[in-house]
Amino acid sequence: MHERTCPCPRMLQYRPPRIAFSMLFAAGGLHLLLPQAWTTIGGLPAGGALLAGLGLLVMLRAWWLFRRHATSICPTARTTTLITTDIYSFTRNPMYLGIVLMLLGIAVGSGGLFFYVAALTYFLTIDHVFCPYEEEKLGRTFGPAFREYRRQVRRWL
C-alpha cells in the first residue's frame, strides 16, 4: 500500500495507466458501435504505429529511470528522488507524455474520432488533476531544487 502525502481529489485514487486504458476501451467500444462513416476521418497506420512506438519508448525510459533511482512511480506515494537528467531534462512528465503519444498514435493509426477524444481527455485529466497535485507535492518535498527545475523544464515539451 502506498502512503498518501495529503488528502487528494477523488480522481487521484486512480492510476494514470488505468485511466488511459479505460478511455481507450470506451473509445474502442464507441468506434465499433457507431457507424464508421460518422466516426472515422481516415487513418494513417504507419504514422500511428510510429507515434505510439515513440510514446512507448518515452514512457519506458522514464519508468526505467524511476526504478534506477529507487523512487515511487505512484503519483500519490512519497517521492524520494527528484530526477532532472536524461529524458527529464526535456519534459517534466515523460511517463504521461508517453501515454498521451500512445493514445494519439492509436487515434492517428485508426482515424477514429473517439480515439482522438480519448487522447485529449486523458491529456486534460493529467494536465489539470495529476500534474498540479504532483508539482505541489514536489515543491513541498524538494523546495528550491524543484522550483529551479520547474523554471528550466516545461511540463510537456
Protein backbone atom coordinates (compact mmCIF):
# COMPACT_ATOMS: atom_id res chain seq x y z
CA MET A 1 0.00 0.00 0.00
CA HIS A 2 1.33 3.43 -0.91
CA GLU A 3 1.43 6.21 1.62
CA ARG A 4 -0.58 9.27 0.66
CA THR A 5 1.15 12.55 1.31
CA CYS A 6 -2.03 14.64 1.69
CA PRO A 7 -5.76 14.45 1.13
CA CYS A 8 -6.26 14.15 -2.62
CA PRO A 9 -9.01 14.93 -5.09
CA ARG A 10 -11.03 11.81 -5.80
CA MET A 11 -9.57 11.34 -9.29
CA LEU A 12 -6.10 10.80 -7.79
CA GLN A 13 -7.17 7.41 -6.44
CA TYR A 14 -6.96 6.04 -9.99
CA ARG A 15 -3.63 5.21 -11.60
CA PRO A 16 -2.97 7.12 -14.85
CA PRO A 17 -2.33 3.98 -16.97
CA ARG A 18 -5.69 2.57 -15.84
CA ILE A 19 -7.35 5.85 -16.76
CA ALA A 20 -5.76 5.63 -20.21
CA PHE A 21 -6.88 2.01 -20.70
CA SER A 22 -10.41 2.90 -19.60
CA MET A 23 -10.58 5.75 -22.09
CA LEU A 24 -9.11 3.55 -24.82
CA PHE A 25 -11.65 0.81 -24.07
CA ALA A 26 -14.56 3.30 -24.13
CA ALA A 27 -13.30 4.84 -27.39
CA GLY A 28 -12.93 1.40 -28.96
CA GLY A 29 -16.46 0.43 -27.93
CA LEU A 30 -17.95 3.62 -29.37
CA HIS A 31 -15.87 3.20 -32.51
CA LEU A 32 -17.30 -0.29 -33.02
CA LEU A 33 -20.89 0.58 -32.10
CA LEU A 34 -21.40 3.70 -34.21
CA PRO A 35 -21.25 3.87 -38.00
CA GLN A 36 -17.65 4.30 -39.12
CA ALA A 37 -18.72 6.89 -41.68
CA TRP A 38 -19.61 9.19 -38.76
CA THR A 39 -16.65 8.40 -36.57
CA THR A 40 -13.62 7.92 -38.82
CA ILE A 41 -11.55 10.57 -40.59
CA GLY A 42 -9.08 8.27 -42.32
CA GLY A 43 -6.21 6.63 -40.53
CA LEU A 44 -2.50 6.56 -41.15
CA PRO A 45 -1.46 3.16 -39.76
CA ALA A 46 2.29 3.63 -40.24
CA GLY A 47 2.26 7.10 -38.73
CA GLY A 48 0.14 5.95 -35.84
CA ALA A 49 2.43 3.00 -35.15
CA LEU A 50 5.47 5.29 -35.21
CA LEU A 51 3.84 7.76 -32.81
CA ALA A 52 2.64 5.01 -30.45
CA GLY A 53 6.07 3.35 -30.55
CA LEU A 54 7.77 6.64 -29.70
CA GLY A 55 5.34 7.10 -26.82
CA LEU A 56 6.11 3.63 -25.52
CA LEU A 57 9.87 4.29 -25.65
CA VAL A 58 9.50 7.63 -23.84
CA MET A 59 7.33 6.08 -21.13
CA LEU A 60 9.60 3.06 -20.65
CA ARG A 61 12.72 5.24 -20.43
CA ALA A 62 11.10 7.35 -17.69
CA TRP A 63 9.89 4.23 -15.87
CA TRP A 64 13.41 2.76 -16.02
CA LEU A 65 14.86 5.97 -14.52
CA PHE A 66 12.37 5.81 -11.65
CA ARG A 67 13.39 2.21 -10.98
CA ARG A 68 17.10 3.05 -11.27
CA HIS A 69 16.75 5.88 -8.75
CA ALA A 70 14.50 3.73 -6.49
CA THR A 71 11.68 6.26 -6.29
CA SER A 72 7.97 5.57 -6.38
CA ILE A 73 6.06 5.69 -9.65
CA CYS A 74 2.66 6.10 -7.97
CA PRO A 75 1.65 9.80 -8.13
CA THR A 76 0.32 9.82 -4.57
CA ALA A 77 3.22 7.97 -2.97
CA ARG A 78 6.16 9.61 -1.25
CA THR A 79 8.80 10.78 -3.73
CA THR A 80 12.37 10.21 -2.58
CA THR A 81 14.36 11.45 -5.58
CA LEU A 82 13.96 14.39 -7.95
CA ILE A 83 15.09 13.16 -11.36
CA THR A 84 16.17 16.05 -13.60
CA THR A 85 18.52 14.37 -16.09
CA ASP A 86 18.14 12.24 -19.18
CA ILE A 87 14.60 12.45 -20.60
CA TYR A 88 13.55 14.54 -17.60
CA SER A 89 15.71 17.38 -18.93
CA PHE A 90 13.28 17.72 -21.88
CA THR A 91 9.92 17.22 -20.15
CA ARG A 92 8.85 17.07 -16.52
CA ASN A 93 6.28 14.36 -17.29
CA PRO A 94 7.73 11.83 -19.73
CA MET A 95 5.58 8.94 -18.49
CA TYR A 96 2.41 10.93 -19.04
CA LEU A 97 3.72 12.28 -22.33
CA GLY A 98 4.46 8.73 -23.45
CA ILE A 99 0.91 7.60 -22.70
CA VAL A 100 -0.54 10.63 -24.50
CA LEU A 101 1.63 9.82 -27.53
CA MET A 102 0.50 6.19 -27.47
CA LEU A 103 -3.17 7.22 -27.33
CA LEU A 104 -2.60 9.76 -30.08
CA GLY A 105 -0.81 7.10 -32.14
CA ILE A 106 -3.84 4.83 -31.89
CA ALA A 107 -6.04 7.75 -32.98
CA VAL A 108 -3.81 8.61 -35.94
CA GLY A 109 -3.45 4.96 -36.91
CA SER A 110 -7.17 4.21 -36.82
CA GLY A 111 -8.54 7.61 -37.77
CA GLY A 112 -11.23 7.09 -35.14
CA LEU A 113 -12.61 10.32 -33.73
CA PHE A 114 -13.35 8.73 -30.35
CA PHE A 115 -9.68 7.78 -30.03
CA TYR A 116 -8.76 11.44 -30.55
CA VAL A 117 -11.29 12.38 -27.88
CA ALA A 118 -9.76 9.77 -25.54
CA ALA A 119 -6.24 11.17 -26.09
CA LEU A 120 -7.41 14.74 -25.49
CA THR A 121 -9.46 13.78 -22.42
CA TYR A 122 -6.52 11.88 -20.94
CA PHE A 123 -4.19 14.82 -21.58
CA LEU A 124 -6.60 17.27 -19.93
CA THR A 125 -7.13 14.98 -16.94
CA ILE A 126 -3.41 14.60 -16.37
CA ASP A 127 -2.67 18.28 -17.02
CA HIS A 128 -5.40 19.62 -14.73
CA VAL A 129 -5.52 16.99 -11.97
CA PHE A 130 -2.33 14.95 -11.68
CA CYS A 131 0.33 17.46 -12.73
CA PRO A 132 -0.75 20.27 -10.36
CA TYR A 133 -1.01 17.79 -7.48
CA GLU A 134 2.42 16.30 -8.18
CA GLU A 135 4.06 19.68 -8.72
CA GLU A 136 2.73 20.97 -5.41
CA LYS A 137 3.97 17.81 -3.69
CA LEU A 138 7.41 18.04 -5.31
CA GLY A 139 7.63 21.71 -4.38
CA ARG A 140 6.98 20.84 -0.73
CA THR A 141 9.43 17.94 -0.81
CA PHE A 142 12.33 19.42 -2.81
CA GLY A 143 11.77 23.17 -2.38
CA PRO A 144 14.22 25.37 -4.32
CA ALA A 145 15.61 22.44 -6.34
CA PHE A 146 12.17 21.68 -7.77
CA ARG A 147 11.35 25.35 -8.36
CA GLU A 148 14.57 25.74 -10.37
CA TYR A 149 13.86 22.55 -12.32
CA ARG A 150 10.30 23.72 -12.99
CA ARG A 151 11.65 27.05 -14.25
CA GLN A 152 14.06 25.32 -16.65
CA VAL A 153 11.99 22.40 -18.00
CA ARG A 154 8.50 22.57 -19.47
CA ARG A 155 5.68 20.43 -18.15
CA TRP A 156 5.13 18.75 -21.52
CA LEU A 157 7.54 19.82 -24.28
